[in-house]
């Protein structure tokens, strides 16, 4: 979740946030750290370990939840928008198979960081 403001900034063109049409399942940094620690301690990972947050939404819907009192940028879905220069498919940013799902949802993370 800590990276969401940067994502908004990189997707902004002429004051409008152009969001790829894709599903989005971001995860709190704390949950990422816990997953890495669990995998290292268990020593059982053979290959990639997929991780996602507990909420899966369209990317634009999720980014509209990012609080910023002074941020008036419009957020629009754009089928030609790129994510850090990369074109995405509808499931590019979500786990596709077995995954470790973080416990901390976005609203709880916001409440804890205020």
C-alpha atoms as a PDB file:
ATOM      1  CA  UNK A   1       0.000   0.000   0.000  1.00  0.00           C
ATOM      2  CA  UNK A   2       2.917   2.295   0.674  1.00  0.00           C
ATOM      3  CA  UNK A   3       3.580   2.545  -3.069  1.00  0.00           C
ATOM      4  CA  UNK A   4       0.068   3.680  -4.124  1.00  0.00           C
ATOM      5  CA  UNK A   5       0.853   7.437  -4.245  1.00  0.00           C
ATOM      6  CA  UNK A   6       3.811   6.719  -6.537  1.00  0.00           C
ATOM      7  CA  UNK A   7       1.595   4.635  -8.810  1.00  0.00           C
ATOM      8  CA  UNK A   8      -0.869   7.528  -9.039  1.00  0.00           C
ATOM      9  CA  UNK A   9       1.959   9.926  -9.891  1.00  0.00           C
ATOM     10  CA  UNK A  10       3.442   7.714 -12.610  1.00  0.00           C
ATOM     11  CA  UNK A  11       0.040   7.234 -14.251  1.00  0.00           C
ATOM     12  CA  UNK A  12      -0.652  10.977 -14.371  1.00  0.00           C
ATOM     13  CA  UNK A  13      -0.653  12.734 -17.752  1.00  0.00           C
ATOM     14  CA  UNK A  14      -1.581  16.426 -17.901  1.00  0.00           C
ATOM     15  CA  UNK A  15      -3.194  16.284 -14.455  1.00  0.00           C
ATOM     16  CA  UNK A  16      -5.347  13.204 -15.170  1.00  0.00           C
ATOM     17  CA  UNK A  17      -4.548   9.735 -13.822  1.00  0.00           C
ATOM     18  CA  UNK A  18      -4.784   7.240 -16.718  1.00  0.00           C
ATOM     19  CA  UNK A  19      -5.238   3.817 -15.166  1.00  0.00           C
ATOM     20  CA  UNK A  20      -4.838   0.551 -17.068  1.00  0.00           C
ATOM     21  CA  UNK A  21      -7.960  -1.609 -17.273  1.00  0.00           C
ATOM     22  CA  UNK A  22      -6.778  -4.403 -15.010  1.00  0.00           C
ATOM     23  CA  UNK A  23      -7.491  -6.084 -11.708  1.00  0.00           C
ATOM     24  CA  UNK A  24      -5.432  -4.916  -8.765  1.00  0.00           C
ATOM     25  CA  UNK A  25      -4.633  -6.645  -5.484  1.00  0.00           C
ATOM     26  CA  UNK A  26      -2.046  -4.551  -3.644  1.00  0.00           C
ATOM     27  CA  UNK A  27      -0.544  -5.686  -0.371  1.00  0.00           C
ATOM     28  CA  UNK A  28       0.820  -3.879   2.679  1.00  0.00           C
ATOM     29  CA  UNK A  29       4.595  -3.792   3.069  1.00  0.00           C
ATOM     30  CA  UNK A  30       4.216  -5.412   6.484  1.00  0.00           C
ATOM     31  CA  UNK A  31       2.484  -8.409   4.903  1.00  0.00           C
ATOM     32  CA  UNK A  32       5.215  -8.640   2.252  1.00  0.00           C
ATOM     33  CA  UNK A  33       7.896  -8.649   4.960  1.00  0.00           C
ATOM     34  CA  UNK A  34       6.043 -11.329   6.932  1.00  0.00           C
ATOM     35  CA  UNK A  35       5.692 -13.493   3.832  1.00  0.00           C
ATOM     36  CA  UNK A  36       9.394 -13.189   3.007  1.00  0.00           C
ATOM     37  CA  UNK A  37      10.327 -14.092   6.574  1.00  0.00           C
ATOM     38  CA  UNK A  38       7.969 -17.099   6.558  1.00  0.00           C
ATOM     39  CA  UNK A  39       9.361 -18.373   3.252  1.00  0.00           C
ATOM     40  CA  UNK A  40      12.981 -17.922   4.354  1.00  0.00           C
ATOM     41  CA  UNK A  41      12.432 -19.595   7.714  1.00  0.00           C
ATOM     42  CA  UNK A  42      10.489 -22.493   6.192  1.00  0.00           C
ATOM     43  CA  UNK A  43      13.032 -22.903   3.407  1.00  0.00           C
ATOM     44  CA  UNK A  44      10.327 -24.498   1.317  1.00  0.00           C
ATOM     45  CA  UNK A  45       9.915 -22.123  -1.618  1.00  0.00           C
ATOM     46  CA  UNK A  46      10.936 -23.659  -4.905  1.00  0.00           C
ATOM     47  CA  UNK A  47      10.341 -20.981  -7.507  1.00  0.00           C
ATOM     48  CA  UNK A  48       8.139 -17.935  -7.312  1.00  0.00           C
ATOM     49  CA  UNK A  49       5.881 -17.204  -4.374  1.00  0.00           C
ATOM     50  CA  UNK A  50       2.840 -15.173  -5.361  1.00  0.00           C
ATOM     51  CA  UNK A  51       1.429 -12.681  -2.881  1.00  0.00           C
ATOM     52  CA  UNK A  52      -1.545 -10.375  -2.923  1.00  0.00           C
ATOM     53  CA  UNK A  53      -3.602  -8.262  -0.603  1.00  0.00           C
ATOM     54  CA  UNK A  54      -6.959  -9.402   0.742  1.00  0.00           C
ATOM     55  CA  UNK A  55      -8.928  -7.172  -1.668  1.00  0.00           C
ATOM     56  CA  UNK A  56      -9.119  -7.543  -5.446  1.00  0.00           C
ATOM     57  CA  UNK A  57     -10.731  -4.684  -7.358  1.00  0.00           C
ATOM     58  CA  UNK A  58     -10.388  -2.958 -10.710  1.00  0.00           C
ATOM     59  CA  UNK A  59      -7.269  -0.814 -10.447  1.00  0.00           C
ATOM     60  CA  UNK A  60      -9.148   2.468 -10.990  1.00  0.00           C
ATOM     61  CA  UNK A  61     -11.651   1.630  -8.232  1.00  0.00           C
ATOM     62  CA  UNK A  62      -8.851   0.844  -5.803  1.00  0.00           C
ATOM     63  CA  UNK A  63      -6.863   3.984  -6.619  1.00  0.00           C
ATOM     64  CA  UNK A  64      -9.946   6.154  -6.069  1.00  0.00           C
ATOM     65  CA  UNK A  65      -9.776   5.040  -2.424  1.00  0.00           C
ATOM     66  CA  UNK A  66      -6.317   6.546  -1.872  1.00  0.00           C
ATOM     67  CA  UNK A  67      -6.876   9.491   0.458  1.00  0.00           C
ATOM     68  CA  UNK A  68      -5.320  12.796  -0.429  1.00  0.00           C
ATOM     69  CA  UNK A  69      -7.246  15.837   0.700  1.00  0.00           C
ATOM     70  CA  UNK A  70      -5.511  18.195  -1.724  1.00  0.00           C
ATOM     71  CA  UNK A  71      -5.433  15.764  -4.656  1.00  0.00           C
ATOM     72  CA  UNK A  72      -8.074  16.712  -7.203  1.00  0.00           C
ATOM     73  CA  UNK A  73      -6.804  14.622 -10.097  1.00  0.00           C
ATOM     74  CA  UNK A  74      -9.431  12.792 -12.077  1.00  0.00           C
ATOM     75  CA  UNK A  75      -8.900   9.023 -12.331  1.00  0.00           C
ATOM     76  CA  UNK A  76      -9.965   7.448 -15.619  1.00  0.00           C
ATOM     77  CA  UNK A  77      -9.652   3.920 -16.976  1.00  0.00           C
ATOM     78  CA  UNK A  78      -7.594   3.923 -20.156  1.00  0.00           C
ATOM     79  CA  UNK A  79      -7.180   0.735 -22.188  1.00  0.00           C
ATOM     80  CA  UNK A  80      -3.950   2.151 -23.648  1.00  0.00           C
ATOM     81  CA  UNK A  81      -2.401   3.204 -20.328  1.00  0.00           C
ATOM     82  CA  UNK A  82       0.829   1.525 -19.338  1.00  0.00           C
ATOM     83  CA  UNK A  83       2.016   0.558 -15.879  1.00  0.00           C
ATOM     84  CA  UNK A  84       5.558   1.862 -15.476  1.00  0.00           C
ATOM     85  CA  UNK A  85       5.872   1.655 -19.263  1.00  0.00           C
ATOM     86  CA  UNK A  86       4.497  -1.880 -19.552  1.00  0.00           C
ATOM     87  CA  UNK A  87       1.157  -2.793 -21.169  1.00  0.00           C
ATOM     88  CA  UNK A  88      -1.011  -4.932 -18.903  1.00  0.00           C
ATOM     89  CA  UNK A  89      -3.600  -7.667 -19.321  1.00  0.00           C
ATOM     90  CA  UNK A  90      -6.689  -7.925 -17.141  1.00  0.00           C
ATOM     91  CA  UNK A  91      -4.889 -10.165 -14.648  1.00  0.00           C
ATOM     92  CA  UNK A  92      -1.297  -8.946 -14.839  1.00  0.00           C
ATOM     93  CA  UNK A  93      -1.193  -7.584 -11.273  1.00  0.00           C
ATOM     94  CA  UNK A  94      -3.010 -10.314  -9.354  1.00  0.00           C
ATOM     95  CA  UNK A  95      -2.005 -13.796  -8.246  1.00  0.00           C
ATOM     96  CA  UNK A  96      -3.056 -16.437 -10.761  1.00  0.00           C
ATOM     97  CA  UNK A  97      -2.442 -19.591  -8.785  1.00  0.00           C
ATOM     98  CA  UNK A  98      -1.782 -20.532  -5.206  1.00  0.00           C
ATOM     99  CA  UNK A  99      -0.810 -17.374  -3.360  1.00  0.00           C
ATOM    100  CA  UNK A 100      -0.090 -16.002   0.051  1.00  0.00           C
ATOM    101  CA  UNK A 101      -2.762 -13.434   0.825  1.00  0.00           C
ATOM    102  CA  UNK A 102      -1.916 -10.599   3.178  1.00  0.00           C
ATOM    103  CA  UNK A 103      -4.053 -10.103   6.264  1.00  0.00           C
ATOM    104  CA  UNK A 104      -4.115  -6.302   6.360  1.00  0.00           C
ATOM    105  CA  UNK A 105      -6.868  -4.702   4.262  1.00  0.00           C
ATOM    106  CA  UNK A 106      -6.465  -1.188   2.891  1.00  0.00           C
ATOM    107  CA  UNK A 107      -8.917   0.587   5.236  1.00  0.00           C
ATOM    108  CA  UNK A 108      -7.198  -0.924   8.290  1.00  0.00           C
ATOM    109  CA  UNK A 109      -3.792   0.065   6.957  1.00  0.00           C
ATOM    110  CA  UNK A 110      -4.950   3.668   6.395  1.00  0.00           C
ATOM    111  CA  UNK A 111      -6.425   3.795   9.902  1.00  0.00           C
ATOM    112  CA  UNK A 112      -3.182   2.477  11.395  1.00  0.00           C
ATOM    113  CA  UNK A 113      -0.989   4.969   9.505  1.00  0.00           C
ATOM    114  CA  UNK A 114      -2.989   8.091  10.376  1.00  0.00           C
END
